[in-house]
C-alpha atoms as a PDB file:
ATOM      1  CA  MET A   1      -8.466  -4.418 -26.936  1.00  0.00           C
ATOM      2  CA  ASP A   2     -12.254  -4.611 -27.292  1.00  0.00           C
ATOM      3  CA  GLY A   3     -13.958  -2.976 -24.334  1.00  0.00           C
ATOM      4  CA  GLY A   4     -16.659  -5.678 -24.035  1.00  0.00           C
ATOM      5  CA  PHE A   5     -19.262  -4.375 -21.608  1.00  0.00           C
ATOM      6  CA  PRO A   6     -18.772  -1.116 -19.655  1.00  0.00           C
ATOM      7  CA  GLY A   7     -17.023  -1.917 -16.405  1.00  0.00           C
ATOM      8  CA  LEU A   8     -15.086  -4.934 -17.689  1.00  0.00           C
ATOM      9  CA  GLY A   9     -11.777  -3.179 -16.979  1.00  0.00           C
ATOM     10  CA  THR A  10     -12.772  -2.555 -13.363  1.00  0.00           C
ATOM     11  CA  VAL A  11     -13.859  -6.190 -12.949  1.00  0.00           C
ATOM     12  CA  VAL A  12     -10.454  -7.332 -14.227  1.00  0.00           C
ATOM     13  CA  ASN A  13      -8.711  -4.874 -11.884  1.00  0.00           C
ATOM     14  CA  VAL A  14     -10.695  -5.985  -8.820  1.00  0.00           C
ATOM     15  CA  VAL A  15      -9.972  -9.648  -9.559  1.00  0.00           C
ATOM     16  CA  ALA A  16      -6.256  -8.850  -9.974  1.00  0.00           C
ATOM     17  CA  VAL A  17      -6.147  -7.083  -6.591  1.00  0.00           C
ATOM     18  CA  LEU A  18      -8.039  -9.906  -4.875  1.00  0.00           C
ATOM     19  CA  LEU A  19      -5.727 -12.557  -6.328  1.00  0.00           C
ATOM     20  CA  GLY A  20      -2.583 -10.568  -5.563  1.00  0.00           C
ATOM     21  CA  ALA A  21      -3.675  -9.790  -2.003  1.00  0.00           C
ATOM     22  CA  THR A  22      -4.619 -13.418  -1.351  1.00  0.00           C
ATOM     23  CA  LEU A  23      -1.234 -14.648  -2.582  1.00  0.00           C
ATOM     24  CA  GLY A  24       0.497 -11.961  -0.508  1.00  0.00           C
ATOM     25  CA  MET A  25      -1.388 -12.938   2.657  1.00  0.00           C
ATOM     26  CA  LEU A  26      -0.468 -16.603   2.166  1.00  0.00           C
ATOM     27  CA  ALA A  27       3.188 -15.682   1.686  1.00  0.00           C
ATOM     28  CA  GLY A  28       3.196 -13.143   4.532  1.00  0.00           C
ATOM     29  CA  ASN A  29       2.201 -15.707   7.137  1.00  0.00           C
ATOM     30  CA  ARG A  30       5.405 -17.575   6.397  1.00  0.00           C
ATOM     31  CA  LEU A  31       7.741 -14.587   6.634  1.00  0.00           C
ATOM     32  CA  PRO A  32       9.659 -13.866   9.873  1.00  0.00           C
ATOM     33  CA  GLU A  33       9.071 -10.493  11.548  1.00  0.00           C
ATOM     34  CA  ARG A  34      12.544  -9.288  10.568  1.00  0.00           C
ATOM     35  CA  VAL A  35      11.765  -9.843   6.879  1.00  0.00           C
ATOM     36  CA  ARG A  36       8.376  -8.134   7.227  1.00  0.00           C
ATOM     37  CA  ARG A  37      10.057  -5.019   8.621  1.00  0.00           C
ATOM     38  CA  VAL A  38      12.445  -4.906   5.681  1.00  0.00           C
ATOM     39  CA  VAL A  39       9.531  -5.344   3.256  1.00  0.00           C
ATOM     40  CA  THR A  40       7.655  -2.516   5.007  1.00  0.00           C
ATOM     41  CA  ASP A  41      10.665  -0.196   4.646  1.00  0.00           C
ATOM     42  CA  CYS A  42      10.960  -1.095   0.956  1.00  0.00           C
ATOM     43  CA  LEU A  43       7.262  -0.430   0.420  1.00  0.00           C
ATOM     44  CA  GLY A  44       7.602   2.894   2.211  1.00  0.00           C
ATOM     45  CA  LEU A  45      10.450   3.970  -0.055  1.00  0.00           C
ATOM     46  CA  VAL A  46       8.629   2.873  -3.216  1.00  0.00           C
ATOM     47  CA  THR A  47       5.465   4.626  -2.025  1.00  0.00           C
ATOM     48  CA  LEU A  48       7.536   7.780  -1.536  1.00  0.00           C
ATOM     49  CA  LEU A  49       8.859   7.457  -5.099  1.00  0.00           C
ATOM     50  CA  VAL A  50       5.341   7.056  -6.515  1.00  0.00           C
ATOM     51  CA  ALA A  51       4.221   9.989  -4.347  1.00  0.00           C
ATOM     52  CA  VAL A  52       6.898  12.311  -5.735  1.00  0.00           C
ATOM     53  CA  LEU A  53       6.103  11.327  -9.321  1.00  0.00           C
ATOM     54  CA  SER A  54       2.397  11.969  -8.710  1.00  0.00           C
ATOM     55  CA  ALA A  55       2.970  15.262  -6.881  1.00  0.00           C
ATOM     56  CA  LEU A  56       5.000  16.547  -9.843  1.00  0.00           C
ATOM     57  CA  ASP A  57       1.725  16.827 -11.753  1.00  0.00           C
ATOM     58  CA  VAL A  58       1.388  20.181  -9.981  1.00  0.00           C
ATOM     59  CA  THR A  59       3.696  21.429 -12.776  1.00  0.00           C
ATOM     60  CA  SER A  60       1.298  20.231 -15.500  1.00  0.00           C
ATOM     61  CA  PRO A  61       0.990  22.813 -18.319  1.00  0.00           C
ATOM     62  CA  ALA A  62      -2.731  22.044 -18.606  1.00  0.00           C
ATOM     63  CA  LEU A  63      -3.250  22.921 -14.935  1.00  0.00           C
ATOM     64  CA  ALA A  64      -1.238  26.134 -15.274  1.00  0.00           C
ATOM     65  CA  ASP A  65      -3.255  27.122 -18.357  1.00  0.00           C
ATOM     66  CA  ALA A  66      -6.521  26.523 -16.511  1.00  0.00           C
ATOM     67  CA  VAL A  67      -5.788  28.411 -13.284  1.00  0.00           C
ATOM     68  CA  GLY A  68      -2.724  30.510 -14.078  1.00  0.00           C
ATOM     69  CA  SER A  69       0.966  30.081 -13.335  1.00  0.00           C
ATOM     70  CA  GLY A  70       1.822  29.974  -9.648  1.00  0.00           C
ATOM     71  CA  VAL A  71      -1.721  29.012  -8.683  1.00  0.00           C
ATOM     72  CA  PRO A  72      -1.468  25.170  -8.936  1.00  0.00           C
ATOM     73  CA  VAL A  73       0.504  24.944  -5.669  1.00  0.00           C
ATOM     74  CA  LEU A  74      -2.153  27.085  -3.974  1.00  0.00           C
ATOM     75  CA  ILE A  75      -4.838  24.779  -5.405  1.00  0.00           C
ATOM     76  CA  VAL A  76      -3.154  21.769  -3.790  1.00  0.00           C
ATOM     77  CA  LEU A  77      -2.609  23.669  -0.526  1.00  0.00           C
ATOM     78  CA  GLY A  78      -6.232  24.804  -0.459  1.00  0.00           C
ATOM     79  CA  ALA A  79      -7.456  21.280  -1.193  1.00  0.00           C
ATOM     80  CA  LEU A  80      -5.383  19.838   1.657  1.00  0.00           C
ATOM     81  CA  LEU A  81      -6.459  22.523   4.126  1.00  0.00           C
ATOM     82  CA  ILE A  82     -10.161  22.413   3.268  1.00  0.00           C
ATOM     83  CA  GLY A  83     -10.174  18.637   2.905  1.00  0.00           C
ATOM     84  CA  GLY A  84      -8.120  18.120   6.070  1.00  0.00           C
ATOM     85  CA  ILE A  85     -10.284  20.389   8.208  1.00  0.00           C
ATOM     86  CA  THR A  86     -13.417  18.713   6.834  1.00  0.00           C
ATOM     87  CA  GLY A  87     -11.993  15.258   7.470  1.00  0.00           C
ATOM     88  CA  ALA A  88     -10.918  16.172  11.000  1.00  0.00           C
ATOM     89  CA  LEU A  89     -14.373  17.547  11.823  1.00  0.00           C
ATOM     90  CA  LEU A  90     -15.946  14.383  10.400  1.00  0.00           C
ATOM     91  CA  ARG A  91     -13.370  12.285  12.334  1.00  0.00           C
ATOM     92  CA  ILE A  92     -12.710  10.140   9.277  1.00  0.00           C
ATOM     93  CA  GLU A  93      -9.459   8.654  10.618  1.00  0.00           C
ATOM     94  CA  GLU A  94     -11.153   7.712  13.882  1.00  0.00           C
ATOM     95  CA  ARG A  95     -14.112   6.179  12.055  1.00  0.00           C
ATOM     96  CA  LEU A  96     -11.755   4.199   9.823  1.00  0.00           C
ATOM     97  CA  GLU A  97     -10.074   2.749  12.903  1.00  0.00           C
ATOM     98  CA  SER A  98     -13.482   1.751  14.282  1.00  0.00           C
ATOM     99  CA  LEU A  99     -14.371   0.180  10.939  1.00  0.00           C
ATOM    100  CA  ALA A 100     -11.044  -1.647  10.972  1.00  0.00           C
ATOM    101  CA  GLY A 101     -11.893  -3.154  14.366  1.00  0.00           C
ATOM    102  CA  VAL A 102     -15.304  -4.310  13.124  1.00  0.00           C
ATOM    103  CA  VAL A 103     -13.884  -5.893   9.962  1.00  0.00           C
ATOM    104  CA  GLN A 104     -11.060  -7.593  11.835  1.00  0.00           C
ATOM    105  CA  ARG A 105     -13.415  -9.050  14.425  1.00  0.00           C
ATOM    106  CA  TRP A 106     -15.596 -10.338  11.616  1.00  0.00           C
ATOM    107  CA  VAL A 107     -12.621 -11.826   9.768  1.00  0.00           C
ATOM    108  CA  GLN A 108     -10.758 -13.245  12.757  1.00  0.00           C
ATOM    109  CA  ARG A 109     -13.706 -14.028  15.058  1.00  0.00           C
ATOM    110  CA  ARG A 110     -11.417 -14.176  18.051  1.00  0.00           C
ATOM    111  CA  GLY A 111     -10.427 -11.853  20.846  1.00  0.00           C
ATOM    112  CA  SER A 112      -7.068 -10.314  21.578  1.00  0.00           C
ATOM    113  CA  ASP A 113      -5.480  -8.032  24.138  1.00  0.00           C
ATOM    114  CA  GLY A 114      -6.077  -4.298  23.772  1.00  0.00           C
ATOM    115  CA  GLN A 115      -2.536  -3.346  22.773  1.00  0.00           C
ATOM    116  CA  HIS A 116      -2.335  -6.081  20.153  1.00  0.00           C
ATOM    117  CA  ASP A 117      -5.798  -5.203  18.875  1.00  0.00           C
ATOM    118  CA  HIS A 118      -4.821  -1.545  18.456  1.00  0.00           C
ATOM    119  CA  ALA A 119      -1.638  -2.501  16.602  1.00  0.00           C
ATOM    120  CA  GLU A 120      -3.639  -4.767  14.307  1.00  0.00           C
ATOM    121  CA  ARG A 121      -6.120  -1.972  13.560  1.00  0.00           C
ATOM    122  CA  GLU A 122      -3.246   0.360  12.692  1.00  0.00           C
ATOM    123  CA  ARG A 123      -1.793  -2.314  10.413  1.00  0.00           C
ATOM    124  CA  PHE A 124      -5.192  -2.815   8.790  1.00  0.00           C
ATOM    125  CA  ILE A 125      -5.712   0.912   8.180  1.00  0.00           C
ATOM    126  CA  GLU A 126      -2.219   1.413   6.747  1.00  0.00           C
ATOM    127  CA  GLY A 127      -2.671  -1.569   4.432  1.00  0.00           C
ATOM    128  CA  TRP A 128      -6.083  -0.451   3.227  1.00  0.00           C
ATOM    129  CA  LEU A 129      -5.204   3.242   2.857  1.00  0.00           C
ATOM    130  CA  THR A 130      -1.859   2.631   1.181  1.00  0.00           C
ATOM    131  CA  ALA A 131      -3.211   0.110  -1.301  1.00  0.00           C
ATOM    132  CA  SER A 132      -6.401   2.093  -1.977  1.00  0.00           C
ATOM    133  CA  LEU A 133      -4.497   5.294  -2.706  1.00  0.00           C
ATOM    134  CA  LEU A 134      -1.947   3.543  -4.901  1.00  0.00           C
ATOM    135  CA  PHE A 135      -4.676   1.711  -6.809  1.00  0.00           C
ATOM    136  CA  CYS A 136      -7.200   4.567  -7.049  1.00  0.00           C
ATOM    137  CA  VAL A 137      -5.170   7.764  -7.518  1.00  0.00           C
ATOM    138  CA  GLY A 138      -3.488   8.491 -10.811  1.00  0.00           C
ATOM    139  CA  PRO A 139      -4.066   9.106 -14.504  1.00  0.00           C
ATOM    140  CA  LEU A 140      -4.449   5.397 -15.342  1.00  0.00           C
ATOM    141  CA  THR A 141      -7.314   5.064 -12.858  1.00  0.00           C
ATOM    142  CA  ILE A 142      -9.209   8.102 -14.107  1.00  0.00           C
ATOM    143  CA  LEU A 143      -8.510   7.936 -17.825  1.00  0.00           C
ATOM    144  CA  GLY A 144      -8.757   4.145 -17.948  1.00  0.00           C
ATOM    145  CA  SER A 145     -12.117   4.053 -16.175  1.00  0.00           C
ATOM    146  CA  LEU A 146     -13.566   6.882 -18.264  1.00  0.00           C
ATOM    147  CA  SER A 147     -12.326   5.249 -21.476  1.00  0.00           C
ATOM    148  CA  ASP A 148     -13.974   2.011 -20.372  1.00  0.00           C
ATOM    149  CA  GLY A 149     -17.249   3.851 -19.840  1.00  0.00           C
ATOM    150  CA  LEU A 150     -16.941   5.615 -23.177  1.00  0.00           C
ATOM    151  CA  GLY A 151     -16.466   2.278 -24.964  1.00  0.00           C
ATOM    152  CA  ARG A 152     -12.907   3.046 -26.047  1.00  0.00           C
ATOM    153  CA  GLY A 153     -11.454  -0.194 -24.703  1.00  0.00           C
ATOM    154  CA  VAL A 154      -9.924  -1.487 -21.483  1.00  0.00           C
ATOM    155  CA  ASP A 155      -6.252  -1.483 -22.483  1.00  0.00           C
ATOM    156  CA  GLN A 156      -5.273   1.068 -19.844  1.00  0.00           C
ATOM    157  CA  LEU A 157      -7.075  -0.760 -17.043  1.00  0.00           C
ATOM    158  CA  VAL A 158      -5.609  -4.123 -18.103  1.00  0.00           C
ATOM    159  CA  LEU A 159      -2.127  -2.602 -17.829  1.00  0.00           C
ATOM    160  CA  LYS A 160      -3.047  -1.088 -14.461  1.00  0.00           C
ATOM    161  CA  SER A 161      -4.413  -4.462 -13.297  1.00  0.00           C
ATOM    162  CA  ALA A 162      -1.072  -6.128 -13.969  1.00  0.00           C
ATOM    163  CA  LEU A 163       0.764  -3.464 -11.965  1.00  0.00           C
ATOM    164  CA  ASP A 164      -1.773  -3.620  -9.130  1.00  0.00           C
ATOM    165  CA  PHE A 165      -1.521  -7.415  -8.941  1.00  0.00           C
ATOM    166  CA  PHE A 166       2.185  -7.349  -8.089  1.00  0.00           C
ATOM    167  CA  ALA A 167       1.744  -4.380  -5.746  1.00  0.00           C
ATOM    168  CA  ALA A 168      -1.062  -6.229  -3.922  1.00  0.00           C
ATOM    169  CA  VAL A 169       1.176  -9.275  -3.435  1.00  0.00           C
ATOM    170  CA  ALA A 170       3.902  -7.120  -1.885  1.00  0.00           C
ATOM    171  CA  PHE A 171       1.626  -5.061   0.359  1.00  0.00           C
ATOM    172  CA  ALA A 172      -0.568  -7.951   1.527  1.00  0.00           C
ATOM    173  CA  SER A 173       2.498  -9.956   2.556  1.00  0.00           C
ATOM    174  CA  THR A 174       3.055  -7.271   5.195  1.00  0.00           C
ATOM    175  CA  PHE A 175      -0.336  -5.693   5.915  1.00  0.00           C
ATOM    176  CA  GLY A 176      -2.679  -8.603   5.389  1.00  0.00           C
ATOM    177  CA  VAL A 177      -6.451  -8.314   5.052  1.00  0.00           C
ATOM    178  CA  GLY A 178      -6.485  -4.511   4.790  1.00  0.00           C
ATOM    179  CA  VAL A 179      -5.023  -4.792   1.292  1.00  0.00           C
ATOM    180  CA  LEU A 180      -7.696  -7.323   0.375  1.00  0.00           C
ATOM    181  CA  LEU A 181     -10.370  -4.772   1.285  1.00  0.00           C
ATOM    182  CA  SER A 182      -8.770  -2.237  -1.073  1.00  0.00           C
ATOM    183  CA  ALA A 183     -10.402  -4.208  -3.899  1.00  0.00           C
ATOM    184  CA  LEU A 184     -13.675  -2.671  -2.699  1.00  0.00           C
ATOM    185  CA  SER A 185     -12.122   0.799  -3.034  1.00  0.00           C
ATOM    186  CA  VAL A 186     -11.101  -0.032  -6.597  1.00  0.00           C
ATOM    187  CA  ALA A 187     -14.615  -1.266  -7.398  1.00  0.00           C
ATOM    188  CA  VAL A 188     -16.281   1.872  -5.985  1.00  0.00           C
ATOM    189  CA  VAL A 189     -13.887   4.478  -7.429  1.00  0.00           C
ATOM    190  CA  GLN A 190     -13.336   2.970 -10.861  1.00  0.00           C
ATOM    191  CA  GLY A 191     -16.911   1.786 -11.129  1.00  0.00           C
ATOM    192  CA  GLY A 192     -18.122   5.304 -10.360  1.00  0.00           C
ATOM    193  CA  LEU A 193     -15.805   6.816 -12.963  1.00  0.00           C
ATOM    194  CA  THR A 194     -16.944   4.267 -15.533  1.00  0.00           C
ATOM    195  CA  VAL A 195     -20.575   5.181 -14.863  1.00  0.00           C
ATOM    196  CA  LEU A 196     -19.573   8.835 -15.212  1.00  0.00           C
ATOM    197  CA  GLY A 197     -18.070   8.077 -18.617  1.00  0.00           C
ATOM    198  CA  VAL A 198     -21.202   6.234 -19.723  1.00  0.00           C
ATOM    199  CA  THR A 199     -23.522   8.978 -18.421  1.00  0.00           C
ATOM    200  CA  LEU A 200     -21.699  12.124 -19.479  1.00  0.00           C
ATOM    201  CA  GLY A 201     -19.842  10.812 -22.490  1.00  0.00           C
ATOM    202  CA  ALA A 202     -17.040  13.285 -21.829  1.00  0.00           C
ATOM    203  CA  VAL A 203     -13.500  12.993 -20.492  1.00  0.00           C
ATOM    204  CA  VAL A 204     -12.564  14.875 -17.338  1.00  0.00           C
ATOM    205  CA  PRO A 205     -10.322  17.850 -18.273  1.00  0.00           C
ATOM    206  CA  GLU A 206      -6.610  17.202 -17.955  1.00  0.00           C
ATOM    207  CA  ALA A 207      -6.223  20.092 -15.501  1.00  0.00           C
ATOM    208  CA  HIS A 208      -8.625  18.457 -13.038  1.00  0.00           C
ATOM    209  CA  ILE A 209      -6.784  15.141 -13.329  1.00  0.00           C
ATOM    210  CA  ALA A 210      -3.457  16.878 -12.679  1.00  0.00           C
ATOM    211  CA  ALA A 211      -4.777  18.609  -9.537  1.00  0.00           C
ATOM    212  CA  LEU A 212      -6.242  15.354  -8.233  1.00  0.00           C
ATOM    213  CA  THR A 213      -3.040  13.420  -8.960  1.00  0.00           C
ATOM    214  CA  ALA A 214      -0.784  16.038  -7.341  1.00  0.00           C
ATOM    215  CA  THR A 215      -2.966  16.148  -4.229  1.00  0.00           C
ATOM    216  CA  GLY A 216      -3.054  12.360  -4.110  1.00  0.00           C
ATOM    217  CA  GLY A 217       0.726  12.358  -4.378  1.00  0.00           C
ATOM    218  CA  LEU A 218       1.020  14.360  -1.168  1.00  0.00           C
ATOM    219  CA  LEU A 219      -1.367  11.984   0.569  1.00  0.00           C
ATOM    220  CA  LEU A 220       0.950   9.187  -0.537  1.00  0.00           C
ATOM    221  CA  VAL A 221       3.844  11.089   1.068  1.00  0.00           C
ATOM    222  CA  GLY A 222       1.880  10.924   4.309  1.00  0.00           C
ATOM    223  CA  ILE A 223       1.422   7.183   3.854  1.00  0.00           C
ATOM    224  CA  ALA A 224       5.153   6.770   3.155  1.00  0.00           C
ATOM    225  CA  PHE A 225       5.992   8.654   6.363  1.00  0.00           C
ATOM    226  CA  ARG A 226       3.757   6.274   8.299  1.00  0.00           C
ATOM    227  CA  LEU A 227       5.348   3.213   6.725  1.00  0.00           C
ATOM    228  CA  LEU A 228       8.843   4.529   7.482  1.00  0.00           C
ATOM    229  CA  ASN A 229       7.872   5.537  11.050  1.00  0.00           C
ATOM    230  CA  VAL A 230       8.792   9.171  10.341  1.00  0.00           C
ATOM    231  CA  ARG A 231       5.469  10.657  11.444  1.00  0.00           C
ATOM    232  CA  HIS A 232       1.928   9.383  11.895  1.00  0.00           C
ATOM    233  CA  VAL A 233       0.130  11.619   9.380  1.00  0.00           C
ATOM    234  CA  PRO A 234      -3.706  11.334   9.661  1.00  0.00           C
ATOM    235  CA  VAL A 235      -4.133  10.522   5.976  1.00  0.00           C
ATOM    236  CA  GLY A 236      -7.714   9.377   6.536  1.00  0.00           C
ATOM    237  CA  ASP A 237      -8.687  12.914   7.568  1.00  0.00           C
ATOM    238  CA  LEU A 238      -7.053  14.261   4.398  1.00  0.00           C
ATOM    239  CA  LEU A 239      -9.028  12.069   1.986  1.00  0.00           C
ATOM    240  CA  PRO A 240     -11.697  14.753   1.243  1.00  0.00           C
ATOM    241  CA  ALA A 241      -8.899  16.780  -0.375  1.00  0.00           C
ATOM    242  CA  LEU A 242      -9.151  14.459  -3.381  1.00  0.00           C
ATOM    243  CA  LEU A 243     -12.661  15.769  -4.001  1.00  0.00           C
ATOM    244  CA  VAL A 244     -11.833  19.377  -3.199  1.00  0.00           C
ATOM    245  CA  ALA A 245      -8.877  19.701  -5.617  1.00  0.00           C
ATOM    246  CA  PRO A 246     -10.847  19.357  -8.910  1.00  0.00           C
ATOM    247  CA  LEU A 247     -13.609  21.586  -7.490  1.00  0.00           C
ATOM    248  CA  LEU A 248     -11.082  24.329  -6.735  1.00  0.00           C
ATOM    249  CA  VAL A 249      -9.730  24.074 -10.273  1.00  0.00           C
ATOM    250  CA  SER A 250     -13.240  24.586 -11.654  1.00  0.00           C
ATOM    251  CA  LEU A 251     -13.862  27.495  -9.272  1.00  0.00           C
ATOM    252  CA  VAL A 252     -10.591  29.321 -10.082  1.00  0.00           C
ATOM    253  CA  ALA A 253     -10.923  28.658 -13.814  1.00  0.00           C
ATOM    254  CA  SER A 254     -14.438  30.141 -13.836  1.00  0.00           C
ATOM    255  CA  PHE A 255     -13.039  33.514 -12.687  1.00  0.00           C
ATOM    256  CA  ARG A 256     -10.413  33.711 -15.436  1.00  0.00           C
END
C-alpha cells in the first residue's frame, strides 16, 4: 500500500482507536455489572496471553547475538529494576492517578463521593495503561511506524489499526474513557517513531526491539494481574523500563 505522507499510518491507527473506544463506551453503558466483570476477566486472560507471547522475545536469536547467551534475561531484569526504581522515585503511578482525576472531572463535570471517585480513577488508569501498552508495545508498532517514516508503506500499521479497533471496543466497554485517551499514547509513540524514521533513515536493530518487546510483555503481565485481581502491580512506575531496555542492549553490546 502506498505510504502517502509520513505519519498516515499513525493517523489511521489513532482514528481506529477513537472509533473503537467510542463504540465500546456506548455499548458498555448498556451492559449490566455482572457482564462487565466477565468481560474484565476475559480481557485479563487475553492480556496475559499477549504478555507471554511478547515476553518470549527474550529468546530472540538477534538479542542473544548482540549481548550474549544468558544475558537477555539480565537485560530485562536490569531494565525493570532501573526503570521501576526511577518510576517510583518520580512517583509516576501517583501522578497518573492525579491526572486521571483531573481528566475525569473535566469529562464528567460532576462531583462524586470519595470512594467512588477513587474507584473511577483506578478504572481510568487501568483502561488507559492496558490499552496504551497493548497498542504501543510490540514489533508492529515499532517496525510499522519506522517503515511509515522511511516511506516504505503503511501496510503494517493498517493491519495493526484493524486489530486495535476491535481491542478498543472490548476494553472501552469495560473501562470507558481511559481507553479513549490511549489514542493520545498511540499518536505520541508512533508519531515519534515515524519522525525517527524520517530523521535517521535507519531501522532500529532487531535486538533492541526484542528487548523492548520482552520488557513490555512483563509490564503486560502486571496489567493482567490487576485485571484479574491477583495483585495490584504499580505498572505506571515500571514504564521507564521500556526506555531502559534498549539502552542496556546498546551498553552491553558496546563491550563485546
